[in-house]
Amino acid sequence: KVETDHIRLIILEADADPIIRELSL
């Protein structure tokens, strides 16, 4: 459990430009 007001998803490796359909907390 963490308290924050800002989350980031960082893609470190990908075969093509990433497309994120959903990021939910």
PDBML (XML) file of the C-alpha atoms, coordinates in Angstrom:
<?xml version="1.0" encoding="UTF-8" ?>
<PDBx:datablock datablockName="MODEL"
   xmlns:PDBx="http://pdbml.pdb.org/schema/pdbx-v50.xsd"
   xmlns:xsi="http://www.w3.org/2001/XMLSchema-instance"
   xsi:schemaLocation="http://pdbml.pdb.org/schema/pdbx-v50.xsd pdbx-v50.xsd">
   <PDBx:atom_siteCategory>
      <PDBx:atom_site id="1">
         <PDBx:B_iso_or_equiv>0.00</PDBx:B_iso_or_equiv>
         <PDBx:Cartn_x>0.000</PDBx:Cartn_x>
         <PDBx:Cartn_y>0.000</PDBx:Cartn_y>
         <PDBx:Cartn_z>0.000</PDBx:Cartn_z>
         <PDBx:auth_asym_id>A</PDBx:auth_asym_id>
         <PDBx:auth_atom_id>CA</PDBx:auth_atom_id>
         <PDBx:auth_comp_id>LYS</PDBx:auth_comp_id>
         <PDBx:auth_seq_id>1</PDBx:auth_seq_id>
         <PDBx:group_PDB>ATOM</PDBx:group_PDB>
         <PDBx:label_alt_id xsi:nil="true" />
         <PDBx:label_asym_id>A</PDBx:label_asym_id>
         <PDBx:label_atom_id>CA</PDBx:label_atom_id>
         <PDBx:label_comp_id>LYS</PDBx:label_comp_id>
         <PDBx:label_entity_id>1</PDBx:label_entity_id>
         <PDBx:label_seq_id>1</PDBx:label_seq_id>
         <PDBx:occupancy>1.00</PDBx:occupancy>
         <PDBx:pdbx_PDB_model_num>1</PDBx:pdbx_PDB_model_num>
         <PDBx:type_symbol>C</PDBx:type_symbol>
      </PDBx:atom_site>
      <PDBx:atom_site id="2">
         <PDBx:B_iso_or_equiv>0.00</PDBx:B_iso_or_equiv>
         <PDBx:Cartn_x>1.256</PDBx:Cartn_x>
         <PDBx:Cartn_y>3.419</PDBx:Cartn_y>
         <PDBx:Cartn_z>-1.010</PDBx:Cartn_z>
         <PDBx:auth_asym_id>A</PDBx:auth_asym_id>
         <PDBx:auth_atom_id>CA</PDBx:auth_atom_id>
         <PDBx:auth_comp_id>VAL</PDBx:auth_comp_id>
         <PDBx:auth_seq_id>2</PDBx:auth_seq_id>
         <PDBx:group_PDB>ATOM</PDBx:group_PDB>
         <PDBx:label_alt_id xsi:nil="true" />
         <PDBx:label_asym_id>A</PDBx:label_asym_id>
         <PDBx:label_atom_id>CA</PDBx:label_atom_id>
         <PDBx:label_comp_id>VAL</PDBx:label_comp_id>
         <PDBx:label_entity_id>1</PDBx:label_entity_id>
         <PDBx:label_seq_id>2</PDBx:label_seq_id>
         <PDBx:occupancy>1.00</PDBx:occupancy>
         <PDBx:pdbx_PDB_model_num>1</PDBx:pdbx_PDB_model_num>
         <PDBx:type_symbol>C</PDBx:type_symbol>
      </PDBx:atom_site>
      <PDBx:atom_site id="3">
         <PDBx:B_iso_or_equiv>0.00</PDBx:B_iso_or_equiv>
         <PDBx:Cartn_x>-0.143</PDBx:Cartn_x>
         <PDBx:Cartn_y>6.957</PDBx:Cartn_y>
         <PDBx:Cartn_z>-0.738</PDBx:Cartn_z>
         <PDBx:auth_asym_id>A</PDBx:auth_asym_id>
         <PDBx:auth_atom_id>CA</PDBx:auth_atom_id>
         <PDBx:auth_comp_id>GLU</PDBx:auth_comp_id>
         <PDBx:auth_seq_id>3</PDBx:auth_seq_id>
         <PDBx:group_PDB>ATOM</PDBx:group_PDB>
         <PDBx:label_alt_id xsi:nil="true" />
         <PDBx:label_asym_id>A</PDBx:label_asym_id>
         <PDBx:label_atom_id>CA</PDBx:label_atom_id>
         <PDBx:label_comp_id>GLU</PDBx:label_comp_id>
         <PDBx:label_entity_id>1</PDBx:label_entity_id>
         <PDBx:label_seq_id>3</PDBx:label_seq_id>
         <PDBx:occupancy>1.00</PDBx:occupancy>
         <PDBx:pdbx_PDB_model_num>1</PDBx:pdbx_PDB_model_num>
         <PDBx:type_symbol>C</PDBx:type_symbol>
      </PDBx:atom_site>
      <PDBx:atom_site id="4">
         <PDBx:B_iso_or_equiv>0.00</PDBx:B_iso_or_equiv>
         <PDBx:Cartn_x>0.402</PDBx:Cartn_x>
         <PDBx:Cartn_y>9.268</PDBx:Cartn_y>
         <PDBx:Cartn_z>-3.704</PDBx:Cartn_z>
         <PDBx:auth_asym_id>A</PDBx:auth_asym_id>
         <PDBx:auth_atom_id>CA</PDBx:auth_atom_id>
         <PDBx:auth_comp_id>THR</PDBx:auth_comp_id>
         <PDBx:auth_seq_id>4</PDBx:auth_seq_id>
         <PDBx:group_PDB>ATOM</PDBx:group_PDB>
         <PDBx:label_alt_id xsi:nil="true" />
         <PDBx:label_asym_id>A</PDBx:label_asym_id>
         <PDBx:label_atom_id>CA</PDBx:label_atom_id>
         <PDBx:label_comp_id>THR</PDBx:label_comp_id>
         <PDBx:label_entity_id>1</PDBx:label_entity_id>
         <PDBx:label_seq_id>4</PDBx:label_seq_id>
         <PDBx:occupancy>1.00</PDBx:occupancy>
         <PDBx:pdbx_PDB_model_num>1</PDBx:pdbx_PDB_model_num>
         <PDBx:type_symbol>C</PDBx:type_symbol>
      </PDBx:atom_site>
      <PDBx:atom_site id="5">
         <PDBx:B_iso_or_equiv>0.00</PDBx:B_iso_or_equiv>
         <PDBx:Cartn_x>-1.286</PDBx:Cartn_x>
         <PDBx:Cartn_y>11.678</PDBx:Cartn_y>
         <PDBx:Cartn_z>-6.095</PDBx:Cartn_z>
         <PDBx:auth_asym_id>A</PDBx:auth_asym_id>
         <PDBx:auth_atom_id>CA</PDBx:auth_atom_id>
         <PDBx:auth_comp_id>ASP</PDBx:auth_comp_id>
         <PDBx:auth_seq_id>5</PDBx:auth_seq_id>
         <PDBx:group_PDB>ATOM</PDBx:group_PDB>
         <PDBx:label_alt_id xsi:nil="true" />
         <PDBx:label_asym_id>A</PDBx:label_asym_id>
         <PDBx:label_atom_id>CA</PDBx:label_atom_id>
         <PDBx:label_comp_id>ASP</PDBx:label_comp_id>
         <PDBx:label_entity_id>1</PDBx:label_entity_id>
         <PDBx:label_seq_id>5</PDBx:label_seq_id>
         <PDBx:occupancy>1.00</PDBx:occupancy>
         <PDBx:pdbx_PDB_model_num>1</PDBx:pdbx_PDB_model_num>
         <PDBx:type_symbol>C</PDBx:type_symbol>
      </PDBx:atom_site>
      <PDBx:atom_site id="6">
         <PDBx:B_iso_or_equiv>0.00</PDBx:B_iso_or_equiv>
         <PDBx:Cartn_x>0.807</PDBx:Cartn_x>
         <PDBx:Cartn_y>10.752</PDBx:Cartn_y>
         <PDBx:Cartn_z>-9.140</PDBx:Cartn_z>
         <PDBx:auth_asym_id>A</PDBx:auth_asym_id>
         <PDBx:auth_atom_id>CA</PDBx:auth_atom_id>
         <PDBx:auth_comp_id>HIS</PDBx:auth_comp_id>
         <PDBx:auth_seq_id>6</PDBx:auth_seq_id>
         <PDBx:group_PDB>ATOM</PDBx:group_PDB>
         <PDBx:label_alt_id xsi:nil="true" />
         <PDBx:label_asym_id>A</PDBx:label_asym_id>
         <PDBx:label_atom_id>CA</PDBx:label_atom_id>
         <PDBx:label_comp_id>HIS</PDBx:label_comp_id>
         <PDBx:label_entity_id>1</PDBx:label_entity_id>
         <PDBx:label_seq_id>6</PDBx:label_seq_id>
         <PDBx:occupancy>1.00</PDBx:occupancy>
         <PDBx:pdbx_PDB_model_num>1</PDBx:pdbx_PDB_model_num>
         <PDBx:type_symbol>C</PDBx:type_symbol>
      </PDBx:atom_site>
      <PDBx:atom_site id="7">
         <PDBx:B_iso_or_equiv>0.00</PDBx:B_iso_or_equiv>
         <PDBx:Cartn_x>1.538</PDBx:Cartn_x>
         <PDBx:Cartn_y>7.358</PDBx:Cartn_y>
         <PDBx:Cartn_z>-10.749</PDBx:Cartn_z>
         <PDBx:auth_asym_id>A</PDBx:auth_asym_id>
         <PDBx:auth_atom_id>CA</PDBx:auth_atom_id>
         <PDBx:auth_comp_id>ILE</PDBx:auth_comp_id>
         <PDBx:auth_seq_id>7</PDBx:auth_seq_id>
         <PDBx:group_PDB>ATOM</PDBx:group_PDB>
         <PDBx:label_alt_id xsi:nil="true" />
         <PDBx:label_asym_id>A</PDBx:label_asym_id>
         <PDBx:label_atom_id>CA</PDBx:label_atom_id>
         <PDBx:label_comp_id>ILE</PDBx:label_comp_id>
         <PDBx:label_entity_id>1</PDBx:label_entity_id>
         <PDBx:label_seq_id>7</PDBx:label_seq_id>
         <PDBx:occupancy>1.00</PDBx:occupancy>
         <PDBx:pdbx_PDB_model_num>1</PDBx:pdbx_PDB_model_num>
         <PDBx:type_symbol>C</PDBx:type_symbol>
      </PDBx:atom_site>
      <PDBx:atom_site id="8">
         <PDBx:B_iso_or_equiv>0.00</PDBx:B_iso_or_equiv>
         <PDBx:Cartn_x>3.522</PDBx:Cartn_x>
         <PDBx:Cartn_y>6.804</PDBx:Cartn_y>
         <PDBx:Cartn_z>-13.907</PDBx:Cartn_z>
         <PDBx:auth_asym_id>A</PDBx:auth_asym_id>
         <PDBx:auth_atom_id>CA</PDBx:auth_atom_id>
         <PDBx:auth_comp_id>ARG</PDBx:auth_comp_id>
         <PDBx:auth_seq_id>8</PDBx:auth_seq_id>
         <PDBx:group_PDB>ATOM</PDBx:group_PDB>
         <PDBx:label_alt_id xsi:nil="true" />
         <PDBx:label_asym_id>A</PDBx:label_asym_id>
         <PDBx:label_atom_id>CA</PDBx:label_atom_id>
         <PDBx:label_comp_id>ARG</PDBx:label_comp_id>
         <PDBx:label_entity_id>1</PDBx:label_entity_id>
         <PDBx:label_seq_id>8</PDBx:label_seq_id>
         <PDBx:occupancy>1.00</PDBx:occupancy>
         <PDBx:pdbx_PDB_model_num>1</PDBx:pdbx_PDB_model_num>
         <PDBx:type_symbol>C</PDBx:type_symbol>
      </PDBx:atom_site>
      <PDBx:atom_site id="9">
         <PDBx:B_iso_or_equiv>0.00</PDBx:B_iso_or_equiv>
         <PDBx:Cartn_x>3.848</PDBx:Cartn_x>
         <PDBx:Cartn_y>3.770</PDBx:Cartn_y>
         <PDBx:Cartn_z>-16.139</PDBx:Cartn_z>
         <PDBx:auth_asym_id>A</PDBx:auth_asym_id>
         <PDBx:auth_atom_id>CA</PDBx:auth_atom_id>
         <PDBx:auth_comp_id>LEU</PDBx:auth_comp_id>
         <PDBx:auth_seq_id>9</PDBx:auth_seq_id>
         <PDBx:group_PDB>ATOM</PDBx:group_PDB>
         <PDBx:label_alt_id xsi:nil="true" />
         <PDBx:label_asym_id>A</PDBx:label_asym_id>
         <PDBx:label_atom_id>CA</PDBx:label_atom_id>
         <PDBx:label_comp_id>LEU</PDBx:label_comp_id>
         <PDBx:label_entity_id>1</PDBx:label_entity_id>
         <PDBx:label_seq_id>9</PDBx:label_seq_id>
         <PDBx:occupancy>1.00</PDBx:occupancy>
         <PDBx:pdbx_PDB_model_num>1</PDBx:pdbx_PDB_model_num>
         <PDBx:type_symbol>C</PDBx:type_symbol>
      </PDBx:atom_site>
      <PDBx:atom_site id="10">
         <PDBx:B_iso_or_equiv>0.00</PDBx:B_iso_or_equiv>
         <PDBx:Cartn_x>7.182</PDBx:Cartn_x>
         <PDBx:Cartn_y>3.583</PDBx:Cartn_y>
         <PDBx:Cartn_z>-17.937</PDBx:Cartn_z>
         <PDBx:auth_asym_id>A</PDBx:auth_asym_id>
         <PDBx:auth_atom_id>CA</PDBx:auth_atom_id>
         <PDBx:auth_comp_id>ILE</PDBx:auth_comp_id>
         <PDBx:auth_seq_id>10</PDBx:auth_seq_id>
         <PDBx:group_PDB>ATOM</PDBx:group_PDB>
         <PDBx:label_alt_id xsi:nil="true" />
         <PDBx:label_asym_id>A</PDBx:label_asym_id>
         <PDBx:label_atom_id>CA</PDBx:label_atom_id>
         <PDBx:label_comp_id>ILE</PDBx:label_comp_id>
         <PDBx:label_entity_id>1</PDBx:label_entity_id>
         <PDBx:label_seq_id>10</PDBx:label_seq_id>
         <PDBx:occupancy>1.00</PDBx:occupancy>
         <PDBx:pdbx_PDB_model_num>1</PDBx:pdbx_PDB_model_num>
         <PDBx:type_symbol>C</PDBx:type_symbol>
      </PDBx:atom_site>
      <PDBx:atom_site id="11">
         <PDBx:B_iso_or_equiv>0.00</PDBx:B_iso_or_equiv>
         <PDBx:Cartn_x>7.641</PDBx:Cartn_x>
         <PDBx:Cartn_y>1.194</PDBx:Cartn_y>
         <PDBx:Cartn_z>-20.849</PDBx:Cartn_z>
         <PDBx:auth_asym_id>A</PDBx:auth_asym_id>
         <PDBx:auth_atom_id>CA</PDBx:auth_atom_id>
         <PDBx:auth_comp_id>ILE</PDBx:auth_comp_id>
         <PDBx:auth_seq_id>11</PDBx:auth_seq_id>
         <PDBx:group_PDB>ATOM</PDBx:group_PDB>
         <PDBx:label_alt_id xsi:nil="true" />
         <PDBx:label_asym_id>A</PDBx:label_asym_id>
         <PDBx:label_atom_id>CA</PDBx:label_atom_id>
         <PDBx:label_comp_id>ILE</PDBx:label_comp_id>
         <PDBx:label_entity_id>1</PDBx:label_entity_id>
         <PDBx:label_seq_id>11</PDBx:label_seq_id>
         <PDBx:occupancy>1.00</PDBx:occupancy>
         <PDBx:pdbx_PDB_model_num>1</PDBx:pdbx_PDB_model_num>
         <PDBx:type_symbol>C</PDBx:type_symbol>
      </PDBx:atom_site>
      <PDBx:atom_site id="12">
         <PDBx:B_iso_or_equiv>0.00</PDBx:B_iso_or_equiv>
         <PDBx:Cartn_x>11.244</PDBx:Cartn_x>
         <PDBx:Cartn_y>0.026</PDBx:Cartn_y>
         <PDBx:Cartn_z>-20.827</PDBx:Cartn_z>
         <PDBx:auth_asym_id>A</PDBx:auth_asym_id>
         <PDBx:auth_atom_id>CA</PDBx:auth_atom_id>
         <PDBx:auth_comp_id>LEU</PDBx:auth_comp_id>
         <PDBx:auth_seq_id>12</PDBx:auth_seq_id>
         <PDBx:group_PDB>ATOM</PDBx:group_PDB>
         <PDBx:label_alt_id xsi:nil="true" />
         <PDBx:label_asym_id>A</PDBx:label_asym_id>
         <PDBx:label_atom_id>CA</PDBx:label_atom_id>
         <PDBx:label_comp_id>LEU</PDBx:label_comp_id>
         <PDBx:label_entity_id>1</PDBx:label_entity_id>
         <PDBx:label_seq_id>12</PDBx:label_seq_id>
         <PDBx:occupancy>1.00</PDBx:occupancy>
         <PDBx:pdbx_PDB_model_num>1</PDBx:pdbx_PDB_model_num>
         <PDBx:type_symbol>C</PDBx:type_symbol>
      </PDBx:atom_site>
      <PDBx:atom_site id="13">
         <PDBx:B_iso_or_equiv>0.00</PDBx:B_iso_or_equiv>
         <PDBx:Cartn_x>11.159</PDBx:Cartn_x>
         <PDBx:Cartn_y>-2.248</PDBx:Cartn_y>
         <PDBx:Cartn_z>-23.880</PDBx:Cartn_z>
         <PDBx:auth_asym_id>A</PDBx:auth_asym_id>
         <PDBx:auth_atom_id>CA</PDBx:auth_atom_id>
         <PDBx:auth_comp_id>GLU</PDBx:auth_comp_id>
         <PDBx:auth_seq_id>13</PDBx:auth_seq_id>
         <PDBx:group_PDB>ATOM</PDBx:group_PDB>
         <PDBx:label_alt_id xsi:nil="true" />
         <PDBx:label_asym_id>A</PDBx:label_asym_id>
         <PDBx:label_atom_id>CA</PDBx:label_atom_id>
         <PDBx:label_comp_id>GLU</PDBx:label_comp_id>
         <PDBx:label_entity_id>1</PDBx:label_entity_id>
         <PDBx:label_seq_id>13</PDBx:label_seq_id>
         <PDBx:occupancy>1.00</PDBx:occupancy>
         <PDBx:pdbx_PDB_model_num>1</PDBx:pdbx_PDB_model_num>
         <PDBx:type_symbol>C</PDBx:type_symbol>
      </PDBx:atom_site>
      <PDBx:atom_site id="14">
         <PDBx:B_iso_or_equiv>0.00</PDBx:B_iso_or_equiv>
         <PDBx:Cartn_x>8.628</PDBx:Cartn_x>
         <PDBx:Cartn_y>-2.636</PDBx:Cartn_y>
         <PDBx:Cartn_z>-26.701</PDBx:Cartn_z>
         <PDBx:auth_asym_id>A</PDBx:auth_asym_id>
         <PDBx:auth_atom_id>CA</PDBx:auth_atom_id>
         <PDBx:auth_comp_id>ALA</PDBx:auth_comp_id>
         <PDBx:auth_seq_id>14</PDBx:auth_seq_id>
         <PDBx:group_PDB>ATOM</PDBx:group_PDB>
         <PDBx:label_alt_id xsi:nil="true" />
         <PDBx:label_asym_id>A</PDBx:label_asym_id>
         <PDBx:label_atom_id>CA</PDBx:label_atom_id>
         <PDBx:label_comp_id>ALA</PDBx:label_comp_id>
         <PDBx:label_entity_id>1</PDBx:label_entity_id>
         <PDBx:label_seq_id>14</PDBx:label_seq_id>
         <PDBx:occupancy>1.00</PDBx:occupancy>
         <PDBx:pdbx_PDB_model_num>1</PDBx:pdbx_PDB_model_num>
         <PDBx:type_symbol>C</PDBx:type_symbol>
      </PDBx:atom_site>
      <PDBx:atom_site id="15">
         <PDBx:B_iso_or_equiv>0.00</PDBx:B_iso_or_equiv>
         <PDBx:Cartn_x>8.421</PDBx:Cartn_x>
         <PDBx:Cartn_y>-4.035</PDBx:Cartn_y>
         <PDBx:Cartn_z>-30.217</PDBx:Cartn_z>
         <PDBx:auth_asym_id>A</PDBx:auth_asym_id>
         <PDBx:auth_atom_id>CA</PDBx:auth_atom_id>
         <PDBx:auth_comp_id>ASP</PDBx:auth_comp_id>
         <PDBx:auth_seq_id>15</PDBx:auth_seq_id>
         <PDBx:group_PDB>ATOM</PDBx:group_PDB>
         <PDBx:label_alt_id xsi:nil="true" />
         <PDBx:label_asym_id>A</PDBx:label_asym_id>
         <PDBx:label_atom_id>CA</PDBx:label_atom_id>
         <PDBx:label_comp_id>ASP</PDBx:label_comp_id>
         <PDBx:label_entity_id>1</PDBx:label_entity_id>
         <PDBx:label_seq_id>15</PDBx:label_seq_id>
         <PDBx:occupancy>1.00</PDBx:occupancy>
         <PDBx:pdbx_PDB_model_num>1</PDBx:pdbx_PDB_model_num>
         <PDBx:type_symbol>C</PDBx:type_symbol>
      </PDBx:atom_site>
      <PDBx:atom_site id="16">
         <PDBx:B_iso_or_equiv>0.00</PDBx:B_iso_or_equiv>
         <PDBx:Cartn_x>6.482</PDBx:Cartn_x>
         <PDBx:Cartn_y>-0.976</PDBx:Cartn_y>
         <PDBx:Cartn_z>-31.402</PDBx:Cartn_z>
         <PDBx:auth_asym_id>A</PDBx:auth_asym_id>
         <PDBx:auth_atom_id>CA</PDBx:auth_atom_id>
         <PDBx:auth_comp_id>ALA</PDBx:auth_comp_id>
         <PDBx:auth_seq_id>16</PDBx:auth_seq_id>
         <PDBx:group_PDB>ATOM</PDBx:group_PDB>
         <PDBx:label_alt_id xsi:nil="true" />
         <PDBx:label_asym_id>A</PDBx:label_asym_id>
         <PDBx:label_atom_id>CA</PDBx:label_atom_id>
         <PDBx:label_comp_id>ALA</PDBx:label_comp_id>
         <PDBx:label_entity_id>1</PDBx:label_entity_id>
         <PDBx:label_seq_id>16</PDBx:label_seq_id>
         <PDBx:occupancy>1.00</PDBx:occupancy>
         <PDBx:pdbx_PDB_model_num>1</PDBx:pdbx_PDB_model_num>
         <PDBx:type_symbol>C</PDBx:type_symbol>
      </PDBx:atom_site>
      <PDBx:atom_site id="17">
         <PDBx:B_iso_or_equiv>0.00</PDBx:B_iso_or_equiv>
         <PDBx:Cartn_x>4.981</PDBx:Cartn_x>
         <PDBx:Cartn_y>2.196</PDBx:Cartn_y>
         <PDBx:Cartn_z>-29.934</PDBx:Cartn_z>
         <PDBx:auth_asym_id>A</PDBx:auth_asym_id>
         <PDBx:auth_atom_id>CA</PDBx:auth_atom_id>
         <PDBx:auth_comp_id>ASP</PDBx:auth_comp_id>
         <PDBx:auth_seq_id>17</PDBx:auth_seq_id>
         <PDBx:group_PDB>ATOM</PDBx:group_PDB>
         <PDBx:label_alt_id xsi:nil="true" />
         <PDBx:label_asym_id>A</PDBx:label_asym_id>
         <PDBx:label_atom_id>CA</PDBx:label_atom_id>
         <PDBx:label_comp_id>ASP</PDBx:label_comp_id>
         <PDBx:label_entity_id>1</PDBx:label_entity_id>
         <PDBx:label_seq_id>17</PDBx:label_seq_id>
         <PDBx:occupancy>1.00</PDBx:occupancy>
         <PDBx:pdbx_PDB_model_num>1</PDBx:pdbx_PDB_model_num>
         <PDBx:type_symbol>C</PDBx:type_symbol>
      </PDBx:atom_site>
      <PDBx:atom_site id="18">
         <PDBx:B_iso_or_equiv>0.00</PDBx:B_iso_or_equiv>
         <PDBx:Cartn_x>2.970</PDBx:Cartn_x>
         <PDBx:Cartn_y>1.136</PDBx:Cartn_y>
         <PDBx:Cartn_z>-26.852</PDBx:Cartn_z>
         <PDBx:auth_asym_id>A</PDBx:auth_asym_id>
         <PDBx:auth_atom_id>CA</PDBx:auth_atom_id>
         <PDBx:auth_comp_id>PRO</PDBx:auth_comp_id>
         <PDBx:auth_seq_id>18</PDBx:auth_seq_id>
         <PDBx:group_PDB>ATOM</PDBx:group_PDB>
         <PDBx:label_alt_id xsi:nil="true" />
         <PDBx:label_asym_id>A</PDBx:label_asym_id>
         <PDBx:label_atom_id>CA</PDBx:label_atom_id>
         <PDBx:label_comp_id>PRO</PDBx:label_comp_id>
         <PDBx:label_entity_id>1</PDBx:label_entity_id>
         <PDBx:label_seq_id>18</PDBx:label_seq_id>
         <PDBx:occupancy>1.00</PDBx:occupancy>
         <PDBx:pdbx_PDB_model_num>1</PDBx:pdbx_PDB_model_num>
         <PDBx:type_symbol>C</PDBx:type_symbol>
      </PDBx:atom_site>
      <PDBx:atom_site id="19">
         <PDBx:B_iso_or_equiv>0.00</PDBx:B_iso_or_equiv>
         <PDBx:Cartn_x>-0.796</PDBx:Cartn_x>
         <PDBx:Cartn_y>1.671</PDBx:Cartn_y>
         <PDBx:Cartn_z>-26.781</PDBx:Cartn_z>
         <PDBx:auth_asym_id>A</PDBx:auth_asym_id>
         <PDBx:auth_atom_id>CA</PDBx:auth_atom_id>
         <PDBx:auth_comp_id>ILE</PDBx:auth_comp_id>
         <PDBx:auth_seq_id>19</PDBx:auth_seq_id>
         <PDBx:group_PDB>ATOM</PDBx:group_PDB>
         <PDBx:label_alt_id xsi:nil="true" />
         <PDBx:label_asym_id>A</PDBx:label_asym_id>
         <PDBx:label_atom_id>CA</PDBx:label_atom_id>
         <PDBx:label_comp_id>ILE</PDBx:label_comp_id>
         <PDBx:label_entity_id>1</PDBx:label_entity_id>
         <PDBx:label_seq_id>19</PDBx:label_seq_id>
         <PDBx:occupancy>1.00</PDBx:occupancy>
         <PDBx:pdbx_PDB_model_num>1</PDBx:pdbx_PDB_model_num>
         <PDBx:type_symbol>C</PDBx:type_symbol>
      </PDBx:atom_site>
      <PDBx:atom_site id="20">
         <PDBx:B_iso_or_equiv>0.00</PDBx:B_iso_or_equiv>
         <PDBx:Cartn_x>-2.294</PDBx:Cartn_x>
         <PDBx:Cartn_y>1.518</PDBx:Cartn_y>
         <PDBx:Cartn_z>-23.289</PDBx:Cartn_z>
         <PDBx:auth_asym_id>A</PDBx:auth_asym_id>
         <PDBx:auth_atom_id>CA</PDBx:auth_atom_id>
         <PDBx:auth_comp_id>ILE</PDBx:auth_comp_id>
         <PDBx:auth_seq_id>20</PDBx:auth_seq_id>
         <PDBx:group_PDB>ATOM</PDBx:group_PDB>
         <PDBx:label_alt_id xsi:nil="true" />
         <PDBx:label_asym_id>A</PDBx:label_asym_id>
         <PDBx:label_atom_id>CA</PDBx:label_atom_id>
         <PDBx:label_comp_id>ILE</PDBx:label_comp_id>
         <PDBx:label_entity_id>1</PDBx:label_entity_id>
         <PDBx:label_seq_id>20</PDBx:label_seq_id>
         <PDBx:occupancy>1.00</PDBx:occupancy>
         <PDBx:pdbx_PDB_model_num>1</PDBx:pdbx_PDB_model_num>
         <PDBx:type_symbol>C</PDBx:type_symbol>
      </PDBx:atom_site>
      <PDBx:atom_site id="21">
         <PDBx:B_iso_or_equiv>0.00</PDBx:B_iso_or_equiv>
         <PDBx:Cartn_x>-6.011</PDBx:Cartn_x>
         <PDBx:Cartn_y>0.769</PDBx:Cartn_y>
         <PDBx:Cartn_z>-23.288</PDBx:Cartn_z>
         <PDBx:auth_asym_id>A</PDBx:auth_asym_id>
         <PDBx:auth_atom_id>CA</PDBx:auth_atom_id>
         <PDBx:auth_comp_id>ARG</PDBx:auth_comp_id>
         <PDBx:auth_seq_id>21</PDBx:auth_seq_id>
         <PDBx:group_PDB>ATOM</PDBx:group_PDB>
         <PDBx:label_alt_id xsi:nil="true" />
         <PDBx:label_asym_id>A</PDBx:label_asym_id>
         <PDBx:label_atom_id>CA</PDBx:label_atom_id>
         <PDBx:label_comp_id>ARG</PDBx:label_comp_id>
         <PDBx:label_entity_id>1</PDBx:label_entity_id>
         <PDBx:label_seq_id>21</PDBx:label_seq_id>
         <PDBx:occupancy>1.00</PDBx:occupancy>
         <PDBx:pdbx_PDB_model_num>1</PDBx:pdbx_PDB_model_num>
         <PDBx:type_symbol>C</PDBx:type_symbol>
      </PDBx:atom_site>
      <PDBx:atom_site id="22">
         <PDBx:B_iso_or_equiv>0.00</PDBx:B_iso_or_equiv>
         <PDBx:Cartn_x>-6.312</PDBx:Cartn_x>
         <PDBx:Cartn_y>1.185</PDBx:Cartn_y>
         <PDBx:Cartn_z>-19.528</PDBx:Cartn_z>
         <PDBx:auth_asym_id>A</PDBx:auth_asym_id>
         <PDBx:auth_atom_id>CA</PDBx:auth_atom_id>
         <PDBx:auth_comp_id>GLU</PDBx:auth_comp_id>
         <PDBx:auth_seq_id>22</PDBx:auth_seq_id>
         <PDBx:group_PDB>ATOM</PDBx:group_PDB>
         <PDBx:label_alt_id xsi:nil="true" />
         <PDBx:label_asym_id>A</PDBx:label_asym_id>
         <PDBx:label_atom_id>CA</PDBx:label_atom_id>
         <PDBx:label_comp_id>GLU</PDBx:label_comp_id>
         <PDBx:label_entity_id>1</PDBx:label_entity_id>
         <PDBx:label_seq_id>22</PDBx:label_seq_id>
         <PDBx:occupancy>1.00</PDBx:occupancy>
         <PDBx:pdbx_PDB_model_num>1</PDBx:pdbx_PDB_model_num>
         <PDBx:type_symbol>C</PDBx:type_symbol>
      </PDBx:atom_site>
      <PDBx:atom_site id="23">
         <PDBx:B_iso_or_equiv>0.00</PDBx:B_iso_or_equiv>
         <PDBx:Cartn_x>-4.270</PDBx:Cartn_x>
         <PDBx:Cartn_y>2.029</PDBx:Cartn_y>
         <PDBx:Cartn_z>-16.462</PDBx:Cartn_z>
         <PDBx:auth_asym_id>A</PDBx:auth_asym_id>
         <PDBx:auth_atom_id>CA</PDBx:auth_atom_id>
         <PDBx:auth_comp_id>LEU</PDBx:auth_comp_id>
         <PDBx:auth_seq_id>23</PDBx:auth_seq_id>
         <PDBx:group_PDB>ATOM</PDBx:group_PDB>
         <PDBx:label_alt_id xsi:nil="true" />
         <PDBx:label_asym_id>A</PDBx:label_asym_id>
         <PDBx:label_atom_id>CA</PDBx:label_atom_id>
         <PDBx:label_comp_id>LEU</PDBx:label_comp_id>
         <PDBx:label_entity_id>1</PDBx:label_entity_id>
         <PDBx:label_seq_id>23</PDBx:label_seq_id>
         <PDBx:occupancy>1.00</PDBx:occupancy>
         <PDBx:pdbx_PDB_model_num>1</PDBx:pdbx_PDB_model_num>
         <PDBx:type_symbol>C</PDBx:type_symbol>
      </PDBx:atom_site>
      <PDBx:atom_site id="24">
         <PDBx:B_iso_or_equiv>0.00</PDBx:B_iso_or_equiv>
         <PDBx:Cartn_x>-6.422</PDBx:Cartn_x>
         <PDBx:Cartn_y>1.870</PDBx:Cartn_y>
         <PDBx:Cartn_z>-13.328</PDBx:Cartn_z>
         <PDBx:auth_asym_id>A</PDBx:auth_asym_id>
         <PDBx:auth_atom_id>CA</PDBx:auth_atom_id>
         <PDBx:auth_comp_id>SER</PDBx:auth_comp_id>
         <PDBx:auth_seq_id>24</PDBx:auth_seq_id>
         <PDBx:group_PDB>ATOM</PDBx:group_PDB>
         <PDBx:label_alt_id xsi:nil="true" />
         <PDBx:label_asym_id>A</PDBx:label_asym_id>
         <PDBx:label_atom_id>CA</PDBx:label_atom_id>
         <PDBx:label_comp_id>SER</PDBx:label_comp_id>
         <PDBx:label_entity_id>1</PDBx:label_entity_id>
         <PDBx:label_seq_id>24</PDBx:label_seq_id>
         <PDBx:occupancy>1.00</PDBx:occupancy>
         <PDBx:pdbx_PDB_model_num>1</PDBx:pdbx_PDB_model_num>
         <PDBx:type_symbol>C</PDBx:type_symbol>
      </PDBx:atom_site>
      <PDBx:atom_site id="25">
         <PDBx:B_iso_or_equiv>0.00</PDBx:B_iso_or_equiv>
         <PDBx:Cartn_x>-5.607</PDBx:Cartn_x>
         <PDBx:Cartn_y>2.095</PDBx:Cartn_y>
         <PDBx:Cartn_z>-9.624</PDBx:Cartn_z>
         <PDBx:auth_asym_id>A</PDBx:auth_asym_id>
         <PDBx:auth_atom_id>CA</PDBx:auth_atom_id>
         <PDBx:auth_comp_id>LEU</PDBx:auth_comp_id>
         <PDBx:auth_seq_id>25</PDBx:auth_seq_id>
         <PDBx:group_PDB>ATOM</PDBx:group_PDB>
         <PDBx:label_alt_id xsi:nil="true" />
         <PDBx:label_asym_id>A</PDBx:label_asym_id>
         <PDBx:label_atom_id>CA</PDBx:label_atom_id>
         <PDBx:label_comp_id>LEU</PDBx:label_comp_id>
         <PDBx:label_entity_id>1</PDBx:label_entity_id>
         <PDBx:label_seq_id>25</PDBx:label_seq_id>
         <PDBx:occupancy>1.00</PDBx:occupancy>
         <PDBx:pdbx_PDB_model_num>1</PDBx:pdbx_PDB_model_num>
         <PDBx:type_symbol>C</PDBx:type_symbol>
      </PDBx:atom_site>
   </PDBx:atom_siteCategory>
</PDBx:datablock>
